[in-house]
Amino acid sequence: MRRVLMQCVSLVVFLGFASSAAAQSCPEFLDHEQRKLHSRDSVNLCEVAAGQPMLVVNTASRCGYTGQFEGLEALHQQYKDRGLVVVGFASDDFRQEADTEEEAAKVCFVNFGVTFTMIAPTPVTGEQANPVFREINRQSEQPRWNFTKYVVDRSGKVVERFPSKVRPDDPQLIEAVESVL
């Protein structure tokens, strides 16, 4: 019994060390609780993406580009085992988000089968931008429209920005994603 207890204590200490090491390597701008879309649950992107490359996208459920959810989900499925973390930030900055989170969630999860992390509606432009987009905007250029895509490397540096018209299956976007894997 004592041996089992010591092994459990060792495991807890190891997991605590691993967790603190991951938190130390995580960029500060990711270390914030973000509420998930149409949920009471929240997510800290340091826990989800510390040390992993990311594709960050501002989204809207009533936009001419909303169909890109399908391609974003395909990218997520294709590259998740290689470490890519896709995160969508629902936003009404361009007045194209659904009236309710329930409706936005239906568009994402039911209509397009999204399984990657979706964050509840939040500002992505200007002084009111959430902490993730404040830093992305500082490093790059803030979104001019919905479905602007940012490829972020393992250290939290934005390596490439793609405007709305660039589809998730565009060869240049794929190349940028593969460059950070």
N, C-alpha and C. Protein backbone atom coordinates (compact mmCIF):
# COMPACT_ATOMS: atom_id res chain seq x y z
N MET A 1 0.83 -1.19 0.00
CA MET A 1 0.00 0.00 0.00
C MET A 1 0.88 1.25 0.00
N ARG A 2 1.91 1.24 0.81
CA ARG A 2 2.81 2.40 0.89
C ARG A 2 3.50 2.64 -0.45
N ARG A 3 3.88 1.53 -1.10
CA ARG A 3 4.54 1.64 -2.40
C ARG A 3 3.61 2.29 -3.43
N VAL A 4 2.34 1.87 -3.44
CA VAL A 4 1.36 2.44 -4.36
C VAL A 4 1.16 3.92 -4.07
N LEU A 5 1.10 4.27 -2.79
CA LEU A 5 0.94 5.67 -2.40
C LEU A 5 2.13 6.50 -2.87
N MET A 6 3.33 5.99 -2.72
CA MET A 6 4.54 6.71 -3.15
C MET A 6 4.54 6.88 -4.68
N GLN A 7 4.08 5.86 -5.40
CA GLN A 7 4.01 5.97 -6.85
C GLN A 7 3.00 7.05 -7.25
N CYS A 8 1.87 7.11 -6.54
CA CYS A 8 0.87 8.14 -6.83
C CYS A 8 1.42 9.53 -6.55
N VAL A 9 2.13 9.68 -5.43
CA VAL A 9 2.73 10.97 -5.09
C VAL A 9 3.75 11.36 -6.15
N SER A 10 4.55 10.40 -6.59
CA SER A 10 5.55 10.68 -7.63
C SER A 10 4.88 11.11 -8.92
N LEU A 11 3.78 10.46 -9.27
CA LEU A 11 3.06 10.81 -10.48
C LEU A 11 2.48 12.22 -10.38
N VAL A 12 1.91 12.55 -9.23
CA VAL A 12 1.35 13.89 -9.03
C VAL A 12 2.44 14.94 -9.14
N VAL A 13 3.59 14.69 -8.52
CA VAL A 13 4.71 15.63 -8.60
C VAL A 13 5.17 15.77 -10.04
N PHE A 14 5.29 14.66 -10.76
CA PHE A 14 5.71 14.69 -12.16
C PHE A 14 4.71 15.49 -12.99
N LEU A 15 3.41 15.20 -12.83
CA LEU A 15 2.39 15.91 -13.60
C LEU A 15 2.39 17.39 -13.26
N GLY A 16 2.59 17.73 -12.02
CA GLY A 16 2.67 19.13 -11.62
C GLY A 16 3.86 19.80 -12.26
N PHE A 17 5.00 19.10 -12.31
CA PHE A 17 6.20 19.65 -12.96
C PHE A 17 5.96 19.82 -14.45
N ALA A 18 5.37 18.81 -15.07
CA ALA A 18 5.11 18.89 -16.52
C ALA A 18 4.14 20.03 -16.81
N SER A 19 3.12 20.18 -15.96
CA SER A 19 2.15 21.25 -16.17
C SER A 19 2.80 22.62 -15.99
N SER A 20 3.62 22.77 -14.97
CA SER A 20 4.26 24.07 -14.77
C SER A 20 5.30 24.34 -15.86
N ALA A 21 5.96 23.31 -16.34
CA ALA A 21 6.93 23.49 -17.43
C ALA A 21 6.20 23.94 -18.69
N ALA A 22 5.03 23.33 -18.97
CA ALA A 22 4.26 23.73 -20.14
C ALA A 22 3.76 25.16 -19.98
N ALA A 23 3.31 25.51 -18.77
CA ALA A 23 2.84 26.88 -18.54
C ALA A 23 3.96 27.89 -18.72
N GLN A 24 5.18 27.52 -18.29
CA GLN A 24 6.31 28.43 -18.44
C GLN A 24 6.67 28.64 -19.91
N SER A 25 6.47 27.63 -20.74
CA SER A 25 6.83 27.74 -22.14
C SER A 25 5.69 28.33 -22.98
N CYS A 26 4.56 28.56 -22.36
CA CYS A 26 3.40 29.06 -23.09
C CYS A 26 3.44 30.59 -23.12
N PRO A 27 3.22 31.18 -24.30
CA PRO A 27 3.18 32.64 -24.39
C PRO A 27 2.06 33.20 -23.50
N GLU A 28 2.33 34.31 -22.86
CA GLU A 28 1.39 34.91 -21.92
C GLU A 28 0.03 35.21 -22.55
N PHE A 29 0.02 35.60 -23.82
CA PHE A 29 -1.25 35.97 -24.44
C PHE A 29 -2.22 34.79 -24.59
N LEU A 30 -1.71 33.57 -24.50
CA LEU A 30 -2.58 32.40 -24.56
C LEU A 30 -3.09 31.97 -23.19
N ASP A 31 -2.47 32.50 -22.15
CA ASP A 31 -2.75 32.07 -20.78
C ASP A 31 -3.94 32.84 -20.18
N HIS A 32 -5.09 32.65 -20.77
CA HIS A 32 -6.34 33.28 -20.32
C HIS A 32 -7.47 32.28 -20.48
N GLU A 33 -8.40 32.34 -19.57
CA GLU A 33 -9.60 31.50 -19.69
C GLU A 33 -10.49 32.10 -20.78
N GLN A 34 -10.88 31.28 -21.72
CA GLN A 34 -11.78 31.70 -22.80
C GLN A 34 -12.99 30.76 -22.75
N ARG A 35 -14.18 31.33 -22.73
CA ARG A 35 -15.38 30.49 -22.70
C ARG A 35 -15.60 29.87 -24.07
N LYS A 36 -15.91 28.58 -24.04
CA LYS A 36 -16.21 27.87 -25.29
C LYS A 36 -17.58 28.30 -25.82
N LEU A 37 -17.73 28.18 -27.12
CA LEU A 37 -18.98 28.55 -27.79
C LEU A 37 -20.15 27.75 -27.23
N HIS A 38 -21.20 28.47 -26.84
CA HIS A 38 -22.45 27.89 -26.35
C HIS A 38 -22.21 26.86 -25.25
N SER A 39 -21.40 27.25 -24.28
CA SER A 39 -21.04 26.36 -23.19
C SER A 39 -20.72 27.18 -21.95
N ARG A 40 -20.83 26.53 -20.81
CA ARG A 40 -20.35 27.15 -19.57
C ARG A 40 -18.89 26.82 -19.34
N ASP A 41 -18.38 25.88 -20.10
CA ASP A 41 -16.98 25.46 -19.97
C ASP A 41 -16.06 26.51 -20.57
N SER A 42 -14.88 26.58 -20.00
CA SER A 42 -13.88 27.48 -20.56
C SER A 42 -12.63 26.68 -20.87
N VAL A 43 -11.76 27.29 -21.61
CA VAL A 43 -10.51 26.65 -22.01
C VAL A 43 -9.39 27.66 -21.87
N ASN A 44 -8.26 27.19 -21.39
CA ASN A 44 -7.05 28.00 -21.35
C ASN A 44 -6.20 27.49 -22.51
N LEU A 45 -5.90 28.33 -23.46
CA LEU A 45 -5.17 27.87 -24.64
C LEU A 45 -3.77 27.39 -24.31
N CYS A 46 -3.22 27.78 -23.15
CA CYS A 46 -1.94 27.20 -22.74
C CYS A 46 -2.07 25.71 -22.48
N GLU A 47 -3.21 25.31 -21.96
CA GLU A 47 -3.43 23.89 -21.70
C GLU A 47 -3.70 23.12 -22.99
N VAL A 48 -4.27 23.78 -23.96
CA VAL A 48 -4.64 23.14 -25.23
C VAL A 48 -3.49 23.18 -26.23
N ALA A 49 -2.73 24.29 -26.22
CA ALA A 49 -1.80 24.51 -27.32
C ALA A 49 -0.37 24.86 -26.93
N ALA A 50 -0.02 24.78 -25.67
CA ALA A 50 1.35 25.13 -25.27
C ALA A 50 2.36 24.30 -26.06
N GLY A 51 3.26 24.99 -26.72
CA GLY A 51 4.29 24.30 -27.49
C GLY A 51 3.81 23.71 -28.80
N GLN A 52 2.58 24.00 -29.18
CA GLN A 52 2.02 23.47 -30.43
C GLN A 52 1.80 24.61 -31.42
N PRO A 53 1.94 24.34 -32.69
CA PRO A 53 1.58 25.35 -33.69
C PRO A 53 0.07 25.48 -33.74
N MET A 54 -0.39 26.67 -34.13
CA MET A 54 -1.82 26.94 -34.15
C MET A 54 -2.26 27.58 -35.47
N LEU A 55 -3.50 27.36 -35.79
CA LEU A 55 -4.18 28.11 -36.83
C LEU A 55 -5.33 28.80 -36.11
N VAL A 56 -5.27 30.12 -36.03
CA VAL A 56 -6.27 30.92 -35.32
C VAL A 56 -7.10 31.66 -36.36
N VAL A 57 -8.42 31.58 -36.22
CA VAL A 57 -9.33 32.15 -37.21
C VAL A 57 -10.46 32.90 -36.51
N ASN A 58 -10.75 34.12 -36.97
CA ASN A 58 -11.96 34.79 -36.49
C ASN A 58 -13.11 34.36 -37.40
N THR A 59 -14.22 33.98 -36.80
CA THR A 59 -15.31 33.38 -37.58
C THR A 59 -16.63 34.14 -37.37
N ALA A 60 -17.57 33.86 -38.24
CA ALA A 60 -18.94 34.35 -38.13
C ALA A 60 -19.86 33.35 -38.81
N SER A 61 -21.05 33.22 -38.28
CA SER A 61 -21.96 32.18 -38.79
C SER A 61 -22.91 32.67 -39.87
N ARG A 62 -22.90 33.96 -40.16
CA ARG A 62 -23.77 34.50 -41.22
C ARG A 62 -22.94 35.32 -42.20
N CYS A 63 -21.97 34.69 -42.77
CA CYS A 63 -21.02 35.38 -43.64
C CYS A 63 -20.89 34.59 -44.93
N GLY A 64 -20.53 35.25 -45.99
CA GLY A 64 -20.31 34.56 -47.25
C GLY A 64 -19.18 33.54 -47.18
N TYR A 65 -18.34 33.66 -46.16
CA TYR A 65 -17.21 32.74 -46.00
C TYR A 65 -17.49 31.63 -44.98
N THR A 66 -18.70 31.58 -44.44
CA THR A 66 -19.02 30.60 -43.40
C THR A 66 -18.76 29.17 -43.86
N GLY A 67 -18.90 28.90 -45.14
CA GLY A 67 -18.62 27.57 -45.67
C GLY A 67 -17.19 27.12 -45.43
N GLN A 68 -16.30 28.06 -45.09
CA GLN A 68 -14.91 27.68 -44.82
C GLN A 68 -14.78 26.84 -43.55
N PHE A 69 -15.81 26.79 -42.72
CA PHE A 69 -15.76 25.90 -41.56
C PHE A 69 -15.44 24.47 -42.00
N GLU A 70 -16.00 24.05 -43.12
CA GLU A 70 -15.76 22.69 -43.63
C GLU A 70 -14.27 22.47 -43.91
N GLY A 71 -13.63 23.43 -44.57
CA GLY A 71 -12.20 23.31 -44.86
C GLY A 71 -11.34 23.42 -43.61
N LEU A 72 -11.74 24.25 -42.67
CA LEU A 72 -11.00 24.35 -41.40
C LEU A 72 -11.07 23.04 -40.64
N GLU A 73 -12.24 22.41 -40.64
CA GLU A 73 -12.37 21.11 -39.98
C GLU A 73 -11.51 20.07 -40.68
N ALA A 74 -11.46 20.11 -42.00
CA ALA A 74 -10.61 19.17 -42.75
C ALA A 74 -9.14 19.38 -42.38
N LEU A 75 -8.70 20.63 -42.27
CA LEU A 75 -7.32 20.90 -41.83
C LEU A 75 -7.08 20.36 -40.43
N HIS A 76 -8.03 20.60 -39.56
CA HIS A 76 -7.92 20.09 -38.18
C HIS A 76 -7.74 18.57 -38.19
N GLN A 77 -8.57 17.88 -38.94
CA GLN A 77 -8.49 16.42 -39.00
C GLN A 77 -7.17 15.96 -39.62
N GLN A 78 -6.74 16.64 -40.66
CA GLN A 78 -5.53 16.24 -41.37
C GLN A 78 -4.27 16.44 -40.53
N TYR A 79 -4.21 17.50 -39.72
CA TYR A 79 -2.96 17.86 -39.05
C TYR A 79 -2.97 17.75 -37.53
N LYS A 80 -4.09 17.38 -36.91
CA LYS A 80 -4.12 17.33 -35.45
C LYS A 80 -3.13 16.31 -34.89
N ASP A 81 -2.94 15.21 -35.56
CA ASP A 81 -1.99 14.20 -35.06
C ASP A 81 -0.54 14.65 -35.21
N ARG A 82 -0.31 15.68 -36.00
CA ARG A 82 1.04 16.24 -36.14
C ARG A 82 1.23 17.46 -35.25
N GLY A 83 0.19 17.76 -34.45
CA GLY A 83 0.31 18.80 -33.44
C GLY A 83 -0.39 20.11 -33.72
N LEU A 84 -1.00 20.28 -34.89
CA LEU A 84 -1.66 21.54 -35.18
C LEU A 84 -2.92 21.69 -34.33
N VAL A 85 -3.08 22.86 -33.72
CA VAL A 85 -4.26 23.19 -32.95
C VAL A 85 -5.01 24.28 -33.71
N VAL A 86 -6.24 23.98 -34.11
CA VAL A 86 -7.09 24.96 -34.79
C VAL A 86 -8.03 25.55 -33.75
N VAL A 87 -8.10 26.88 -33.71
CA VAL A 87 -8.99 27.56 -32.77
C VAL A 87 -9.77 28.63 -33.53
N GLY A 88 -11.09 28.55 -33.42
CA GLY A 88 -11.95 29.55 -34.02
C GLY A 88 -12.48 30.49 -32.95
N PHE A 89 -12.46 31.77 -33.25
CA PHE A 89 -12.99 32.79 -32.35
C PHE A 89 -14.22 33.41 -33.01
N ALA A 90 -15.40 33.02 -32.53
CA ALA A 90 -16.63 33.63 -33.04
C ALA A 90 -16.58 35.12 -32.70
N SER A 91 -16.98 35.95 -33.63
CA SER A 91 -16.93 37.38 -33.41
C SER A 91 -18.03 38.08 -34.21
N ASP A 92 -18.54 39.15 -33.62
CA ASP A 92 -19.53 39.96 -34.30
C ASP A 92 -18.96 41.32 -34.70
N ASP A 93 -17.64 41.42 -34.77
CA ASP A 93 -17.01 42.69 -35.10
C ASP A 93 -17.46 43.22 -36.46
N PHE A 94 -17.87 42.33 -37.35
CA PHE A 94 -18.28 42.75 -38.68
C PHE A 94 -19.78 42.53 -38.89
N ARG A 95 -20.51 42.38 -37.78
CA ARG A 95 -21.98 42.29 -37.78
C ARG A 95 -22.50 41.12 -38.61
N GLN A 96 -21.81 39.99 -38.51
CA GLN A 96 -22.23 38.83 -39.28
C GLN A 96 -22.40 37.58 -38.41
N GLU A 97 -22.36 37.74 -37.10
CA GLU A 97 -22.54 36.59 -36.21
C GLU A 97 -24.03 36.38 -35.99
N ALA A 98 -24.39 35.16 -35.68
CA ALA A 98 -25.79 34.82 -35.39
C ALA A 98 -26.28 35.63 -34.19
N ASP A 99 -27.60 35.74 -34.07
CA ASP A 99 -28.18 36.51 -32.97
C ASP A 99 -27.96 35.84 -31.62
N THR A 100 -27.87 34.50 -31.60
CA THR A 100 -27.66 33.78 -30.35
C THR A 100 -26.48 32.82 -30.49
N GLU A 101 -25.89 32.50 -29.36
CA GLU A 101 -24.81 31.50 -29.37
C GLU A 101 -25.33 30.13 -29.77
N GLU A 102 -26.57 29.84 -29.41
CA GLU A 102 -27.16 28.56 -29.79
C GLU A 102 -27.18 28.42 -31.31
N GLU A 103 -27.59 29.49 -31.98
CA GLU A 103 -27.63 29.46 -33.45
C GLU A 103 -26.22 29.35 -34.03
N ALA A 104 -25.26 30.11 -33.47
CA ALA A 104 -23.87 30.04 -33.95
C ALA A 104 -23.31 28.64 -33.75
N ALA A 105 -23.61 28.04 -32.59
CA ALA A 105 -23.13 26.69 -32.32
C ALA A 105 -23.72 25.69 -33.30
N LYS A 106 -25.00 25.85 -33.64
CA LYS A 106 -25.64 24.95 -34.60
C LYS A 106 -24.93 25.03 -35.95
N VAL A 107 -24.63 26.25 -36.39
CA VAL A 107 -23.92 26.42 -37.66
C VAL A 107 -22.59 25.67 -37.61
N CYS A 108 -21.83 25.88 -36.55
CA CYS A 108 -20.50 25.26 -36.44
C CYS A 108 -20.57 23.75 -36.28
N PHE A 109 -21.26 23.33 -35.23
CA PHE A 109 -21.20 21.94 -34.81
C PHE A 109 -22.13 21.01 -35.57
N VAL A 110 -23.30 21.49 -35.93
CA VAL A 110 -24.28 20.65 -36.63
C VAL A 110 -24.12 20.77 -38.14
N ASN A 111 -24.17 22.00 -38.64
CA ASN A 111 -24.12 22.19 -40.09
C ASN A 111 -22.77 21.80 -40.70
N PHE A 112 -21.67 22.10 -39.96
CA PHE A 112 -20.34 21.86 -40.54
C PHE A 112 -19.52 20.81 -39.78
N GLY A 113 -20.05 20.24 -38.72
CA GLY A 113 -19.36 19.17 -38.00
C GLY A 113 -18.04 19.58 -37.36
N VAL A 114 -17.94 20.83 -36.93
CA VAL A 114 -16.70 21.33 -36.33
C VAL A 114 -16.40 20.59 -35.03
N THR A 115 -15.18 20.10 -34.90
CA THR A 115 -14.73 19.47 -33.66
C THR A 115 -13.56 20.23 -33.03
N PHE A 116 -12.98 21.19 -33.76
CA PHE A 116 -11.89 21.97 -33.18
C PHE A 116 -12.47 22.96 -32.17
N THR A 117 -11.62 23.54 -31.36
CA THR A 117 -12.04 24.46 -30.31
C THR A 117 -12.65 25.73 -30.91
N MET A 118 -13.85 26.04 -30.46
CA MET A 118 -14.52 27.29 -30.84
C MET A 118 -14.75 28.10 -29.58
N ILE A 119 -14.35 29.36 -29.63
CA ILE A 119 -14.49 30.28 -28.51
C ILE A 119 -15.77 31.09 -28.70
N ALA A 120 -16.44 31.38 -27.59
CA ALA A 120 -17.68 32.17 -27.60
C ALA A 120 -17.41 33.55 -28.21
N PRO A 121 -18.45 34.18 -28.74
CA PRO A 121 -18.26 35.49 -29.37
C PRO A 121 -17.48 36.47 -28.50
N THR A 122 -16.50 37.08 -29.14
CA THR A 122 -15.60 38.01 -28.47
C THR A 122 -15.04 38.97 -29.51
N PRO A 123 -14.72 40.19 -29.11
CA PRO A 123 -14.12 41.12 -30.06
C PRO A 123 -12.72 40.65 -30.51
N VAL A 124 -12.42 40.89 -31.77
CA VAL A 124 -11.10 40.52 -32.31
C VAL A 124 -10.37 41.72 -32.91
N THR A 125 -11.00 42.88 -32.88
CA THR A 125 -10.38 44.09 -33.42
C THR A 125 -10.42 45.21 -32.39
N GLY A 126 -9.54 46.18 -32.58
CA GLY A 126 -9.54 47.38 -31.75
C GLY A 126 -9.11 47.14 -30.32
N GLU A 127 -9.36 48.14 -29.49
CA GLU A 127 -8.95 48.09 -28.09
C GLU A 127 -9.69 47.04 -27.28
N GLN A 128 -10.89 46.65 -27.73
CA GLN A 128 -11.70 45.67 -27.01
C GLN A 128 -11.35 44.22 -27.38
N ALA A 129 -10.41 44.02 -28.28
CA ALA A 129 -10.06 42.66 -28.71
C ALA A 129 -9.65 41.81 -27.51
N ASN A 130 -9.99 40.53 -27.59
CA ASN A 130 -9.59 39.61 -26.52
C ASN A 130 -8.06 39.52 -26.49
N PRO A 131 -7.46 39.00 -25.40
CA PRO A 131 -6.00 38.98 -25.28
C PRO A 131 -5.27 38.26 -26.42
N VAL A 132 -5.86 37.21 -26.94
CA VAL A 132 -5.22 36.47 -28.03
C VAL A 132 -5.13 37.36 -29.27
N PHE A 133 -6.22 37.98 -29.63
CA PHE A 133 -6.21 38.83 -30.82
C PHE A 133 -5.49 40.15 -30.61
N ARG A 134 -5.44 40.64 -29.38
CA ARG A 134 -4.63 41.85 -29.15
C ARG A 134 -3.18 41.58 -29.54
N GLU A 135 -2.67 40.41 -29.13
CA GLU A 135 -1.28 40.06 -29.45
C GLU A 135 -1.12 39.72 -30.93
N ILE A 136 -2.04 38.97 -31.49
CA ILE A 136 -1.97 38.65 -32.91
C ILE A 136 -1.98 39.95 -33.73
N ASN A 137 -2.85 40.87 -33.36
CA ASN A 137 -2.95 42.14 -34.07
C ASN A 137 -1.67 42.96 -33.91
N ARG A 138 -1.04 42.88 -32.74
CA ARG A 138 0.22 43.59 -32.52
C ARG A 138 1.32 43.01 -33.41
N GLN A 139 1.36 41.68 -33.51
CA GLN A 139 2.40 41.02 -34.30
C GLN A 139 2.15 41.11 -35.80
N SER A 140 0.90 41.19 -36.19
CA SER A 140 0.55 41.11 -37.60
C SER A 140 -0.35 42.29 -37.97
N GLU A 141 -1.50 41.97 -38.47
CA GLU A 141 -2.49 42.97 -38.86
C GLU A 141 -3.84 42.46 -38.40
N GLN A 142 -4.65 43.32 -37.82
CA GLN A 142 -5.94 42.85 -37.33
C GLN A 142 -6.84 42.43 -38.48
N PRO A 143 -7.81 41.57 -38.20
CA PRO A 143 -8.71 41.12 -39.26
C PRO A 143 -9.46 42.30 -39.88
N ARG A 144 -9.60 42.23 -41.19
CA ARG A 144 -10.42 43.22 -41.90
C ARG A 144 -11.80 42.67 -42.19
N TRP A 145 -11.94 41.36 -42.02
CA TRP A 145 -13.21 40.70 -42.25
C TRP A 145 -13.17 39.34 -41.56
N ASN A 146 -14.29 38.64 -41.58
CA ASN A 146 -14.39 37.31 -40.98
C ASN A 146 -13.51 36.31 -41.74
N PHE A 147 -13.10 35.28 -41.03
CA PHE A 147 -12.32 34.18 -41.58
C PHE A 147 -10.92 34.60 -42.02
N THR A 148 -10.35 35.57 -41.31
CA THR A 148 -8.93 35.86 -41.47
C THR A 148 -8.19 34.78 -40.70
N LYS A 149 -7.16 34.23 -41.30
CA LYS A 149 -6.46 33.08 -40.73
C LYS A 149 -5.02 33.47 -40.38
N TYR A 150 -4.59 33.03 -39.19
CA TYR A 150 -3.24 33.31 -38.70
C TYR A 150 -2.55 32.00 -38.37
N VAL A 151 -1.40 31.78 -38.97
CA VAL A 151 -0.58 30.62 -38.64
C VAL A 151 0.40 31.08 -37.58
N VAL A 152 0.38 30.39 -36.44
CA VAL A 152 1.19 30.76 -35.28
C VAL A 152 2.13 29.61 -34.97
N ASP A 153 3.42 29.91 -34.81
CA ASP A 153 4.38 28.82 -34.54
C ASP A 153 4.35 28.39 -33.08
N ARG A 154 5.18 27.42 -32.74
CA ARG A 154 5.19 26.82 -31.41
C ARG A 154 5.53 27.81 -30.29
N SER A 155 6.22 28.89 -30.63
CA SER A 155 6.61 29.87 -29.61
C SER A 155 5.59 31.01 -29.50
N GLY A 156 4.55 30.99 -30.33
CA GLY A 156 3.52 32.02 -30.26
C GLY A 156 3.72 33.16 -31.24
N LYS A 157 4.62 32.98 -32.19
CA LYS A 157 4.88 34.02 -33.18
C LYS A 157 3.98 33.80 -34.40
N VAL A 158 3.32 34.88 -34.83
CA VAL A 158 2.52 34.82 -36.06
C VAL A 158 3.48 34.78 -37.23
N VAL A 159 3.43 33.69 -38.01
CA VAL A 159 4.34 33.55 -39.14
C VAL A 159 3.69 33.91 -40.47
N GLU A 160 2.36 33.90 -40.50
CA GLU A 160 1.68 34.21 -41.75
C GLU A 160 0.23 34.58 -41.44
N ARG A 161 -0.28 35.53 -42.21
CA ARG A 161 -1.68 35.97 -42.12
C ARG A 161 -2.31 35.77 -43.49
N PHE A 162 -3.52 35.24 -43.50
CA PHE A 162 -4.24 35.02 -44.75
C PHE A 162 -5.61 35.68 -44.67
N PRO A 163 -5.97 36.47 -45.66
CA PRO A 163 -7.28 37.13 -45.64
C PRO A 163 -8.41 36.14 -45.89
N SER A 164 -9.61 36.64 -45.70
CA SER A 164 -10.83 35.82 -45.82
C SER A 164 -10.91 35.02 -47.11
N LYS A 165 -10.54 35.65 -48.21
CA LYS A 165 -10.71 34.99 -49.52
C LYS A 165 -9.81 33.77 -49.70
N VAL A 166 -8.78 33.63 -48.89
CA VAL A 166 -7.90 32.46 -48.98
C VAL A 166 -8.58 31.30 -48.26
N ARG A 167 -8.89 30.30 -49.03
CA ARG A 167 -9.61 29.14 -48.49
C ARG A 167 -8.66 28.24 -47.70
N PRO A 168 -9.21 27.46 -46.77
CA PRO A 168 -8.36 26.58 -45.96
C PRO A 168 -7.56 25.55 -46.76
N ASP A 169 -7.99 25.22 -47.97
CA ASP A 169 -7.25 24.25 -48.78
C ASP A 169 -6.29 24.91 -49.76
N ASP A 170 -6.11 26.22 -49.64
CA ASP A 170 -5.19 26.94 -50.52
C ASP A 170 -3.76 26.42 -50.32
N PRO A 171 -3.03 26.14 -51.38
CA PRO A 171 -1.66 25.61 -51.25
C PRO A 171 -0.73 26.49 -50.40
N GLN A 172 -0.88 27.81 -50.47
CA GLN A 172 -0.01 28.68 -49.67
C GLN A 172 -0.31 28.57 -48.19
N LEU A 173 -1.58 28.41 -47.84
CA LEU A 173 -1.96 28.20 -46.43
C LEU A 173 -1.44 26.86 -45.96
N ILE A 174 -1.63 25.83 -46.77
CA ILE A 174 -1.13 24.49 -46.42
C ILE A 174 0.38 24.53 -46.21
N GLU A 175 1.08 25.21 -47.08
CA GLU A 175 2.55 25.33 -46.96
C GLU A 175 2.93 26.03 -45.66
N ALA A 176 2.21 27.09 -45.31
CA ALA A 176 2.49 27.80 -44.06
C ALA A 176 2.23 26.91 -42.85
N VAL A 177 1.14 26.16 -42.88
CA VAL A 177 0.84 25.24 -41.78
C VAL A 177 1.94 24.20 -41.66
N GLU A 178 2.32 23.59 -42.78
CA GLU A 178 3.35 22.56 -42.74
C GLU A 178 4.70 23.11 -42.28
N SER A 179 4.95 24.39 -42.53
CA SER A 179 6.23 24.98 -42.12
C SER A 179 6.38 25.10 -40.61
N VAL A 180 5.25 25.09 -39.87
CA VAL A 180 5.34 25.23 -38.42
C VAL A 180 5.17 23.90 -37.70
N LEU A 181 4.90 22.84 -38.44
CA LEU A 181 4.73 21.52 -37.80
C LEU A 181 6.05 20.90 -37.40
